[in-house]
């Protein structure tokens, strides 16, 4: 059985790692998901040098991550937030639903409250900033395996007594402003940025800026994911 678009770690390397004692920590089977080769390779080096994990595979988009998780059954998945085809939030949600014993650590360059909340709400047990990956990822892997949650210390100011300090509504669309919701309705209806700009007497660049802002707020990677999220939360067209 093969998993499309998933690269498996060299079996000789994997065997060597699993065959040698690595102190009091067992080698944790880990899947690394990112759409950039250099990031995937960097994460693998960080984890294996820290003697925390054995990287058993890679995936470059959310859809392949779901397939790889089912096939490889890793204990931990290091998941990029913004991925092509299927974003990291939705991929995490699907994986956790189907493989509840799998621990997901979200890896992101964004430290705003919204994506942190979205990742944890989707089922991720960790959230690590890419800028702090070398220091934080090994600790995050060890923490989630132990049943704890882990967020990079650089963003712990978002939390009070382990809970996000900001109050978030149950419906993520409630985070949007009135104007953002109006534009999103037109996007869901299939209107282009140019058409929406003309209708609302705004520039196309302004519409694109609103769309990008909504994607960050809602933790989605592209227009299609934005529309799917809106429909999932019963947003109707105008």
Protein backbone atom coordinates (compact mmCIF):
# COMPACT_ATOMS: atom_id res chain seq x y z
CA UNK A 1 0.00 0.00 0.00
CA UNK A 2 1.39 3.40 -0.93
CA UNK A 3 0.57 6.88 0.32
CA UNK A 4 0.55 9.47 -2.50
CA UNK A 5 2.92 12.44 -2.08
CA UNK A 6 4.30 11.20 1.22
CA UNK A 7 8.04 10.75 1.60
CA UNK A 8 9.15 8.12 4.08
CA UNK A 9 12.33 8.46 6.08
CA UNK A 10 15.22 6.28 4.95
CA UNK A 11 14.44 2.83 6.46
CA UNK A 12 18.11 2.24 7.28
CA UNK A 13 18.23 5.49 9.24
CA UNK A 14 14.94 4.69 10.97
CA UNK A 15 16.18 1.23 11.92
CA UNK A 16 19.44 2.64 13.28
CA UNK A 17 17.62 5.15 15.45
CA UNK A 18 15.15 2.61 16.83
CA UNK A 19 17.87 0.03 17.43
CA UNK A 20 20.02 2.27 19.61
CA UNK A 21 19.12 3.35 23.15
CA UNK A 22 18.52 7.10 23.36
CA UNK A 23 18.59 7.67 27.08
CA UNK A 24 15.41 7.59 29.09
CA UNK A 25 13.30 8.85 26.17
CA UNK A 26 11.90 6.44 23.63
CA UNK A 27 12.04 7.40 19.97
CA UNK A 28 8.61 8.86 19.25
CA UNK A 29 7.20 8.12 15.80
CA UNK A 30 6.67 11.51 14.19
CA UNK A 31 5.16 12.79 10.94
CA UNK A 32 6.31 16.22 9.72
CA UNK A 33 3.91 18.27 7.58
CA UNK A 34 4.96 21.46 5.79
CA UNK A 35 4.83 22.67 2.21
CA UNK A 36 8.48 23.80 2.23
CA UNK A 37 11.26 21.21 1.92
CA UNK A 38 13.70 23.23 4.00
CA UNK A 39 11.25 23.45 6.91
CA UNK A 40 10.46 19.72 6.83
CA UNK A 41 14.15 18.85 6.78
CA UNK A 42 14.91 21.37 9.52
CA UNK A 43 12.21 20.00 11.81
CA UNK A 44 13.48 16.45 11.29
CA UNK A 45 17.02 17.49 12.19
CA UNK A 46 15.86 19.37 15.31
CA UNK A 47 13.85 16.43 16.63
CA UNK A 48 16.33 13.68 15.88
CA UNK A 49 19.31 15.64 17.19
CA UNK A 50 17.36 16.28 20.40
CA UNK A 51 16.85 12.49 20.63
CA UNK A 52 13.13 12.92 21.11
CA UNK A 53 11.71 11.48 17.89
CA UNK A 54 12.11 9.22 14.91
CA UNK A 55 10.69 10.93 11.82
CA UNK A 56 8.79 8.25 9.92
CA UNK A 57 7.41 10.38 7.10
CA UNK A 58 6.74 13.75 5.52
CA UNK A 59 3.74 15.37 3.82
CA UNK A 60 3.52 18.68 1.97
CA UNK A 61 -0.21 19.46 2.21
CA UNK A 62 -3.10 18.86 4.56
CA UNK A 63 -4.82 16.25 2.43
CA UNK A 64 -1.70 14.09 2.24
CA UNK A 65 -1.17 14.62 5.96
CA UNK A 66 -4.53 12.99 6.70
CA UNK A 67 -3.71 10.04 4.43
CA UNK A 68 -0.20 9.68 5.86
CA UNK A 69 -1.52 9.76 9.42
CA UNK A 70 -3.88 6.88 8.71
CA UNK A 71 -1.15 4.86 6.99
CA UNK A 72 1.82 5.55 9.27
CA UNK A 73 -0.07 5.95 12.57
CA UNK A 74 2.50 8.34 14.07
CA UNK A 75 2.39 9.21 17.73
CA UNK A 76 3.05 12.89 17.00
CA UNK A 77 2.41 15.10 13.99
CA UNK A 78 4.20 18.43 13.60
CA UNK A 79 1.73 20.34 11.41
CA UNK A 80 2.18 23.64 9.61
CA UNK A 81 -0.76 26.01 10.09
CA UNK A 82 -0.99 27.26 6.50
CA UNK A 83 -0.97 24.41 4.00
CA UNK A 84 -2.16 24.02 0.41
CA UNK A 85 -5.22 21.96 -0.57
CA UNK A 86 -6.31 21.46 3.05
CA UNK A 87 -5.19 23.85 5.78
CA UNK A 88 -3.54 22.68 9.00
CA UNK A 89 -6.60 23.44 11.13
CA UNK A 90 -8.95 21.25 9.10
CA UNK A 91 -6.31 18.52 8.66
CA UNK A 92 -5.85 18.46 12.44
CA UNK A 93 -9.57 18.28 13.03
CA UNK A 94 -9.91 15.27 10.70
CA UNK A 95 -6.88 13.45 12.08
CA UNK A 96 -7.87 13.89 15.72
CA UNK A 97 -11.41 12.74 14.94
CA UNK A 98 -10.23 9.56 13.22
CA UNK A 99 -7.04 8.93 15.22
CA UNK A 100 -7.71 10.26 18.73
CA UNK A 101 -4.46 8.82 20.09
CA UNK A 102 -2.38 10.97 17.70
CA UNK A 103 -0.91 14.16 19.16
CA UNK A 104 -0.73 17.20 16.88
CA UNK A 105 1.65 20.10 17.40
CA UNK A 106 0.86 23.13 15.25
CA UNK A 107 3.89 24.92 13.84
CA UNK A 108 3.32 28.51 12.79
CA UNK A 109 4.92 31.88 12.31
CA UNK A 110 1.80 33.58 13.65
CA UNK A 111 1.48 34.42 17.36
CA UNK A 112 -1.92 36.18 17.26
CA UNK A 113 -4.61 34.76 19.59
CA UNK A 114 -7.00 33.67 16.83
CA UNK A 115 -4.87 30.98 15.14
CA UNK A 116 -3.70 29.70 18.53
CA UNK A 117 -7.30 29.32 19.62
CA UNK A 118 -8.32 27.74 16.30
CA UNK A 119 -5.50 25.19 16.49
CA UNK A 120 -6.26 24.14 20.06
CA UNK A 121 -10.00 24.08 19.39
CA UNK A 122 -9.38 21.79 16.39
CA UNK A 123 -7.63 19.32 18.68
CA UNK A 124 -3.95 20.29 18.56
CA UNK A 125 -2.16 19.77 21.85
CA UNK A 126 0.73 22.07 21.07
CA UNK A 127 1.43 25.35 19.31
CA UNK A 128 5.04 26.21 18.50
CA UNK A 129 6.34 29.33 16.79
CA UNK A 130 8.61 28.62 13.84
CA UNK A 131 11.07 31.20 15.13
CA UNK A 132 11.38 29.18 18.35
CA UNK A 133 11.27 25.70 16.84
CA UNK A 134 14.84 24.73 17.71
CA UNK A 135 14.27 25.40 21.42
CA UNK A 136 10.59 24.53 21.75
CA UNK A 137 9.81 21.57 19.48
CA UNK A 138 11.64 18.87 21.49
CA UNK A 139 9.94 20.07 24.67
CA UNK A 140 6.56 20.21 22.92
CA UNK A 141 6.88 16.61 21.72
CA UNK A 142 7.76 15.38 25.19
CA UNK A 143 4.89 17.39 26.74
CA UNK A 144 2.13 16.19 24.43
CA UNK A 145 3.24 12.56 24.72
CA UNK A 146 2.95 12.99 28.49
CA UNK A 147 -0.63 14.19 28.02
CA UNK A 148 0.04 17.89 28.54
CA UNK A 149 -0.52 20.88 26.29
CA UNK A 150 2.40 23.02 25.14
CA UNK A 151 2.62 26.51 23.68
CA UNK A 152 5.82 28.41 22.95
CA UNK A 153 6.77 30.50 26.01
CA UNK A 154 6.88 33.54 23.72
CA UNK A 155 3.08 33.43 23.46
CA UNK A 156 2.18 32.41 27.00
CA UNK A 157 1.14 36.03 27.62
CA UNK A 158 -2.02 35.08 25.72
CA UNK A 159 -2.94 32.74 28.55
CA UNK A 160 -4.13 33.24 32.11
CA UNK A 161 -3.94 30.17 34.35
CA UNK A 162 -3.57 27.99 31.28
CA UNK A 163 -6.60 29.46 29.51
CA UNK A 164 -6.55 31.89 26.62
CA UNK A 165 -6.97 35.36 28.07
CA UNK A 166 -9.04 36.55 25.13
CA UNK A 167 -12.67 35.54 25.01
CA UNK A 168 -13.62 33.79 21.81
CA UNK A 169 -17.14 33.05 20.63
CA UNK A 170 -18.26 29.51 19.87
CA UNK A 171 -18.98 30.48 16.26
CA UNK A 172 -15.67 31.59 14.73
CA UNK A 173 -17.51 33.84 12.27
CA UNK A 174 -18.52 36.01 15.21
CA UNK A 175 -14.90 37.19 15.33
CA UNK A 176 -15.43 39.03 12.06
CA UNK A 177 -16.45 42.66 11.77
CA UNK A 178 -19.70 43.64 10.06
CA UNK A 179 -17.80 44.66 6.92
CA UNK A 180 -15.78 41.42 6.91
CA UNK A 181 -18.94 39.35 7.19
CA UNK A 182 -20.51 41.31 4.35
CA UNK A 183 -17.52 40.67 2.10
CA UNK A 184 -17.39 37.02 3.12
CA UNK A 185 -21.03 36.57 2.11
CA UNK A 186 -20.17 37.82 -1.37
CA UNK A 187 -17.13 35.53 -1.53
CA UNK A 188 -19.33 32.56 -0.57
CA UNK A 189 -21.76 33.60 -3.31
CA UNK A 190 -18.94 33.25 -5.83
CA UNK A 191 -18.24 36.92 -6.51
CA UNK A 192 -14.73 37.93 -7.54
CA UNK A 193 -12.74 40.58 -5.70
CA UNK A 194 -13.28 42.96 -8.61
CA UNK A 195 -17.06 42.43 -8.53
CA UNK A 196 -17.24 42.89 -4.76
CA UNK A 197 -15.12 46.04 -5.00
CA UNK A 198 -17.45 47.51 -7.59
CA UNK A 199 -20.55 46.62 -5.58
CA UNK A 200 -19.21 48.11 -2.32
CA UNK A 201 -17.43 51.10 -3.92
CA UNK A 202 -14.05 49.90 -2.65
CA UNK A 203 -10.80 49.07 -4.42
CA UNK A 204 -9.95 45.52 -5.36
CA UNK A 205 -6.83 45.78 -3.21
CA UNK A 206 -9.02 46.66 -0.20
CA UNK A 207 -11.18 43.59 -0.79
CA UNK A 208 -8.09 41.39 -1.03
CA UNK A 209 -6.80 42.90 2.22
CA UNK A 210 -10.10 42.14 3.96
CA UNK A 211 -9.97 38.55 2.67
CA UNK A 212 -6.39 38.07 3.90
CA UNK A 213 -7.32 39.47 7.31
CA UNK A 214 -10.28 37.09 7.57
CA UNK A 215 -8.06 34.13 6.69
CA UNK A 216 -5.66 35.01 9.51
CA UNK A 217 -8.49 35.53 11.99
CA UNK A 218 -10.09 32.21 11.13
CA UNK A 219 -6.88 30.23 10.71
CA UNK A 220 -7.43 29.13 7.11
CA UNK A 221 -4.90 29.04 4.28
CA UNK A 222 -6.82 29.95 1.15
CA UNK A 223 -10.08 31.18 -0.39
CA UNK A 224 -11.52 27.67 -0.73
CA UNK A 225 -10.90 26.89 2.95
CA UNK A 226 -12.47 30.22 3.88
CA UNK A 227 -15.62 29.37 1.93
CA UNK A 228 -15.80 25.85 3.41
CA UNK A 229 -15.54 27.24 6.93
CA UNK A 230 -18.28 29.80 6.23
CA UNK A 231 -20.60 27.13 4.84
CA UNK A 232 -19.83 24.79 7.74
CA UNK A 233 -21.04 27.50 10.09
CA UNK A 234 -24.22 28.06 8.09
CA UNK A 235 -23.32 31.34 6.44
CA UNK A 236 -25.81 31.85 3.64
CA UNK A 237 -25.26 33.80 0.45
CA UNK A 238 -26.77 37.30 0.21
